[in-house]
């Protein structure tokens, strides 16, 4: 054990619980509406990204198959 560790004050379990509860009370939690809007935007962006990457993959697959002479 280093000197720095031995000089740190030891916290009891109860003091740790009180400090944790105090810190949690300082958190600004989002409202139900903010959570719903954020979730909807994330799902929308995931759908847009999936359509984009599907299109790019399809296009590149078509171009590469034409280059290699494997027309479908």
Protein backbone atom coordinates (compact mmCIF):
# COMPACT_ATOMS: atom_id res chain seq x y z
CA UNK A 1 0.00 0.00 0.00
CA UNK A 2 1.43 3.35 -0.96
CA UNK A 3 1.57 6.39 1.30
CA UNK A 4 -1.09 8.17 -0.79
CA UNK A 5 -3.54 5.31 -0.37
CA UNK A 6 -3.07 5.20 3.39
CA UNK A 7 -3.78 8.94 3.70
CA UNK A 8 -7.11 8.75 1.84
CA UNK A 9 -10.09 8.85 4.19
CA UNK A 10 -11.94 5.55 4.38
CA UNK A 11 -15.67 5.74 3.70
CA UNK A 12 -18.19 3.47 5.31
CA UNK A 13 -20.83 1.71 3.26
CA UNK A 14 -23.52 4.00 4.67
CA UNK A 15 -21.55 7.15 3.83
CA UNK A 16 -20.96 5.82 0.32
CA UNK A 17 -24.72 5.16 -0.08
CA UNK A 18 -25.57 8.69 1.16
CA UNK A 19 -23.08 10.30 -1.24
CA UNK A 20 -24.32 8.17 -4.13
CA UNK A 21 -27.93 9.14 -3.41
CA UNK A 22 -26.90 12.82 -3.19
CA UNK A 23 -25.15 12.65 -6.57
CA UNK A 24 -28.07 10.83 -8.22
CA UNK A 25 -30.42 13.57 -7.01
CA UNK A 26 -28.33 16.10 -8.97
CA UNK A 27 -28.90 14.29 -12.28
CA UNK A 28 -31.32 15.94 -14.70
CA UNK A 29 -33.42 13.08 -16.00
CA UNK A 30 -35.12 13.40 -19.42
CA UNK A 31 -38.89 13.64 -19.62
CA UNK A 32 -40.98 10.90 -21.17
CA UNK A 33 -41.49 13.09 -24.27
CA UNK A 34 -37.74 13.75 -24.65
CA UNK A 35 -37.03 10.03 -24.37
CA UNK A 36 -39.69 9.17 -26.97
CA UNK A 37 -38.47 11.82 -29.43
CA UNK A 38 -34.84 10.79 -29.03
CA UNK A 39 -35.71 7.11 -29.49
CA UNK A 40 -37.76 7.87 -32.61
CA UNK A 41 -34.90 9.89 -34.11
CA UNK A 42 -32.41 7.10 -33.43
CA UNK A 43 -34.68 4.50 -35.06
CA UNK A 44 -35.24 6.82 -38.05
CA UNK A 45 -31.51 7.43 -38.51
CA UNK A 46 -30.83 3.68 -38.26
CA UNK A 47 -33.44 3.02 -40.98
CA UNK A 48 -31.99 5.73 -43.23
CA UNK A 49 -28.47 4.36 -42.75
CA UNK A 50 -29.60 0.79 -43.47
CA UNK A 51 -31.35 1.85 -46.71
CA UNK A 52 -28.27 3.84 -47.75
CA UNK A 53 -25.84 0.98 -47.10
CA UNK A 54 -28.18 -1.52 -48.80
CA UNK A 55 -28.22 0.72 -51.89
CA UNK A 56 -24.43 1.17 -51.90
CA UNK A 57 -23.90 -2.57 -51.41
CA UNK A 58 -26.31 -3.43 -54.22
CA UNK A 59 -24.71 -0.90 -56.57
CA UNK A 60 -21.17 -2.08 -55.82
CA UNK A 61 -22.23 -5.72 -56.19
CA UNK A 62 -23.78 -4.96 -59.58
CA UNK A 63 -20.71 -2.99 -60.79
CA UNK A 64 -18.24 -5.65 -59.63
CA UNK A 65 -20.26 -8.46 -61.18
CA UNK A 66 -20.29 -6.54 -64.50
CA UNK A 67 -16.51 -5.94 -64.31
CA UNK A 68 -15.84 -9.62 -63.63
CA UNK A 69 -18.28 -10.69 -66.35
CA UNK A 70 -20.70 -12.47 -64.03
CA UNK A 71 -23.86 -10.79 -65.28
CA UNK A 72 -26.95 -11.88 -63.43
